[in-house]
Amino acid sequence: MVRAIILVKSPKKLIAARLRKVSLVSDSFPTSGQFDAVAIIDVDELSQIKDVATSIQKISGVERTETMIEVQ
């Protein structure tokens, strides 16, 4: 299992709720600061992280994302 956190920049107020609808996103919540929301994803393969990030980037209003992978 690979866990990653995707930080999302978006002016949309309900972006965290939209992120929860993306496949493989296990949790999402709004944040303050440079990014507006966080999506936590759990996948079986490292390569799936790119697919999830791409899905998030296609959401209307998403300006930018940054992905961090958990290191164990």
N, C-alpha and C. Protein backbone atom coordinates (compact mmCIF):
# COMPACT_ATOMS: atom_id res chain seq x y z
N MET A 1 0.85 -1.18 0.00
CA MET A 1 0.00 0.00 0.00
C MET A 1 0.89 1.23 0.00
N VAL A 2 0.54 2.16 -0.86
CA VAL A 2 1.27 3.43 -0.96
C VAL A 2 0.31 4.54 -0.61
N ARG A 3 0.73 5.43 0.28
CA ARG A 3 -0.10 6.57 0.67
C ARG A 3 0.56 7.84 0.15
N ALA A 4 -0.30 8.74 -0.34
CA ALA A 4 0.20 10.03 -0.82
C ALA A 4 -0.76 11.12 -0.39
N ILE A 5 -0.23 12.32 -0.31
CA ILE A 5 -1.03 13.51 0.00
C ILE A 5 -0.91 14.43 -1.20
N ILE A 6 -2.05 14.87 -1.69
CA ILE A 6 -2.06 15.81 -2.80
C ILE A 6 -2.62 17.13 -2.30
N LEU A 7 -1.79 18.16 -2.38
CA LEU A 7 -2.20 19.51 -1.99
C LEU A 7 -2.84 20.17 -3.21
N VAL A 8 -3.96 20.86 -3.00
CA VAL A 8 -4.72 21.42 -4.11
C VAL A 8 -4.94 22.92 -3.92
N LYS A 9 -4.62 23.68 -4.95
CA LYS A 9 -4.87 25.12 -4.97
C LYS A 9 -6.10 25.35 -5.84
N SER A 10 -7.15 25.93 -5.24
CA SER A 10 -8.39 26.19 -5.97
C SER A 10 -9.20 27.24 -5.24
N PRO A 11 -9.73 28.22 -5.96
CA PRO A 11 -10.57 29.22 -5.30
C PRO A 11 -11.98 28.70 -5.00
N LYS A 12 -12.32 27.52 -5.49
CA LYS A 12 -13.65 26.96 -5.26
C LYS A 12 -13.82 26.59 -3.79
N LYS A 13 -14.92 27.02 -3.19
CA LYS A 13 -15.13 26.79 -1.76
C LYS A 13 -15.39 25.33 -1.41
N LEU A 14 -15.99 24.57 -2.30
CA LEU A 14 -16.34 23.19 -2.01
C LEU A 14 -15.38 22.20 -2.66
N ILE A 15 -14.15 22.61 -2.89
CA ILE A 15 -13.20 21.74 -3.58
C ILE A 15 -12.93 20.46 -2.78
N ALA A 16 -12.89 20.53 -1.46
CA ALA A 16 -12.63 19.34 -0.66
C ALA A 16 -13.72 18.29 -0.86
N ALA A 17 -14.96 18.72 -0.96
CA ALA A 17 -16.07 17.78 -1.21
C ALA A 17 -15.94 17.16 -2.59
N ARG A 18 -15.52 17.92 -3.56
CA ARG A 18 -15.31 17.38 -4.92
C ARG A 18 -14.18 16.36 -4.93
N LEU A 19 -13.14 16.62 -4.16
CA LEU A 19 -12.00 15.70 -4.12
C LEU A 19 -12.42 14.33 -3.57
N ARG A 20 -13.33 14.31 -2.61
CA ARG A 20 -13.78 13.05 -2.01
C ARG A 20 -14.46 12.14 -3.02
N LYS A 21 -14.95 12.71 -4.11
CA LYS A 21 -15.64 11.93 -5.14
C LYS A 21 -14.67 11.26 -6.12
N VAL A 22 -13.40 11.64 -6.07
CA VAL A 22 -12.40 11.06 -6.97
C VAL A 22 -12.04 9.66 -6.47
N SER A 23 -11.98 8.73 -7.39
CA SER A 23 -11.63 7.36 -7.06
C SER A 23 -10.27 7.29 -6.35
N LEU A 24 -10.18 6.50 -5.32
CA LEU A 24 -8.99 6.24 -4.51
C LEU A 24 -8.64 7.35 -3.52
N VAL A 25 -9.43 8.42 -3.46
CA VAL A 25 -9.22 9.44 -2.42
C VAL A 25 -9.90 8.93 -1.16
N SER A 26 -9.12 8.68 -0.12
CA SER A 26 -9.68 8.13 1.12
C SER A 26 -10.18 9.22 2.06
N ASP A 27 -9.63 10.44 1.94
CA ASP A 27 -10.08 11.55 2.77
C ASP A 27 -9.69 12.85 2.10
N SER A 28 -10.41 13.90 2.44
CA SER A 28 -10.12 15.22 1.90
C SER A 28 -10.66 16.26 2.87
N PHE A 29 -9.94 17.36 2.99
CA PHE A 29 -10.41 18.42 3.89
C PHE A 29 -9.83 19.75 3.45
N PRO A 30 -10.55 20.85 3.74
CA PRO A 30 -10.04 22.18 3.40
C PRO A 30 -8.91 22.58 4.35
N THR A 31 -8.04 23.44 3.86
CA THR A 31 -6.92 23.92 4.67
C THR A 31 -6.77 25.43 4.48
N SER A 32 -6.00 26.04 5.35
CA SER A 32 -5.66 27.45 5.17
C SER A 32 -4.20 27.50 4.76
N GLY A 33 -3.81 28.59 4.16
CA GLY A 33 -2.42 28.73 3.74
C GLY A 33 -2.28 28.73 2.23
N GLN A 34 -1.14 28.29 1.75
CA GLN A 34 -0.83 28.32 0.33
C GLN A 34 -1.77 27.43 -0.49
N PHE A 35 -2.21 26.32 0.08
CA PHE A 35 -3.12 25.41 -0.61
C PHE A 35 -4.49 25.45 0.07
N ASP A 36 -5.52 25.12 -0.70
CA ASP A 36 -6.89 25.24 -0.21
C ASP A 36 -7.50 23.94 0.26
N ALA A 37 -6.92 22.81 -0.13
CA ALA A 37 -7.46 21.51 0.28
C ALA A 37 -6.36 20.45 0.20
N VAL A 38 -6.60 19.37 0.91
CA VAL A 38 -5.70 18.22 0.92
C VAL A 38 -6.52 16.99 0.57
N ALA A 39 -5.96 16.15 -0.30
CA ALA A 39 -6.56 14.85 -0.60
C ALA A 39 -5.57 13.78 -0.18
N ILE A 40 -6.05 12.81 0.57
CA ILE A 40 -5.21 11.69 0.99
C ILE A 40 -5.63 10.49 0.15
N ILE A 41 -4.64 9.86 -0.47
CA ILE A 41 -4.95 8.71 -1.31
C ILE A 41 -4.15 7.49 -0.85
N ASP A 42 -4.79 6.35 -0.98
CA ASP A 42 -4.16 5.06 -0.68
C ASP A 42 -4.31 4.19 -1.91
N VAL A 43 -3.18 3.76 -2.48
CA VAL A 43 -3.19 2.96 -3.69
C VAL A 43 -2.31 1.73 -3.52
N ASP A 44 -2.49 0.77 -4.39
CA ASP A 44 -1.68 -0.44 -4.35
C ASP A 44 -0.35 -0.28 -5.07
N GLU A 45 -0.37 0.49 -6.14
CA GLU A 45 0.82 0.68 -6.98
C GLU A 45 1.22 2.15 -7.03
N LEU A 46 2.48 2.42 -7.01
CA LEU A 46 2.99 3.78 -7.08
C LEU A 46 2.49 4.49 -8.35
N SER A 47 2.38 3.76 -9.43
CA SER A 47 1.96 4.35 -10.70
C SER A 47 0.53 4.90 -10.66
N GLN A 48 -0.30 4.41 -9.74
CA GLN A 48 -1.68 4.88 -9.64
C GLN A 48 -1.77 6.32 -9.12
N ILE A 49 -0.74 6.77 -8.43
CA ILE A 49 -0.75 8.12 -7.88
C ILE A 49 -0.87 9.15 -9.00
N LYS A 50 -0.16 8.94 -10.09
CA LYS A 50 -0.24 9.86 -11.22
C LYS A 50 -1.65 9.91 -11.78
N ASP A 51 -2.32 8.77 -11.87
CA ASP A 51 -3.69 8.73 -12.39
C ASP A 51 -4.64 9.54 -11.51
N VAL A 52 -4.49 9.41 -10.19
CA VAL A 52 -5.35 10.16 -9.27
C VAL A 52 -5.05 11.65 -9.38
N ALA A 53 -3.77 12.01 -9.41
CA ALA A 53 -3.40 13.42 -9.53
C ALA A 53 -3.95 14.02 -10.82
N THR A 54 -3.89 13.27 -11.90
CA THR A 54 -4.43 13.75 -13.17
C THR A 54 -5.94 13.96 -13.08
N SER A 55 -6.63 13.05 -12.42
CA SER A 55 -8.08 13.19 -12.23
C SER A 55 -8.41 14.45 -11.44
N ILE A 56 -7.62 14.72 -10.41
CA ILE A 56 -7.84 15.91 -9.59
C ILE A 56 -7.57 17.17 -10.40
N GLN A 57 -6.53 17.16 -11.21
CA GLN A 57 -6.18 18.34 -12.01
C GLN A 57 -7.26 18.66 -13.05
N LYS A 58 -8.06 17.68 -13.41
CA LYS A 58 -9.13 17.89 -14.40
C LYS A 58 -10.39 18.50 -13.78
N ILE A 59 -10.47 18.58 -12.46
CA ILE A 59 -11.63 19.16 -11.80
C ILE A 59 -11.66 20.67 -12.08
N SER A 60 -12.82 21.16 -12.47
CA SER A 60 -12.98 22.58 -12.77
C SER A 60 -12.58 23.43 -11.57
N GLY A 61 -11.73 24.40 -11.79
CA GLY A 61 -11.31 25.30 -10.72
C GLY A 61 -9.98 24.94 -10.08
N VAL A 62 -9.47 23.75 -10.32
CA VAL A 62 -8.17 23.37 -9.75
C VAL A 62 -7.08 24.11 -10.52
N GLU A 63 -6.32 24.91 -9.81
CA GLU A 63 -5.27 25.70 -10.44
C GLU A 63 -3.93 24.97 -10.44
N ARG A 64 -3.68 24.22 -9.35
CA ARG A 64 -2.36 23.59 -9.21
C ARG A 64 -2.43 22.51 -8.15
N THR A 65 -1.58 21.51 -8.28
CA THR A 65 -1.49 20.48 -7.25
C THR A 65 -0.01 20.22 -6.94
N GLU A 66 0.20 19.67 -5.77
CA GLU A 66 1.55 19.22 -5.38
C GLU A 66 1.36 17.90 -4.65
N THR A 67 2.12 16.90 -5.05
CA THR A 67 1.97 15.56 -4.50
C THR A 67 3.17 15.20 -3.63
N MET A 68 2.87 14.64 -2.46
CA MET A 68 3.89 14.15 -1.55
C MET A 68 3.58 12.68 -1.24
N ILE A 69 4.59 11.84 -1.38
CA ILE A 69 4.42 10.40 -1.15
C ILE A 69 5.01 10.05 0.20
N GLU A 70 4.26 9.27 0.97
CA GLU A 70 4.73 8.85 2.29
C GLU A 70 5.95 7.93 2.13
N VAL A 71 6.96 8.20 2.92
CA VAL A 71 8.18 7.39 2.89
C VAL A 71 8.22 6.59 4.18
N GLN A 72 8.41 5.29 4.02
CA GLN A 72 8.45 4.43 5.22
C GLN A 72 9.80 3.82 5.40
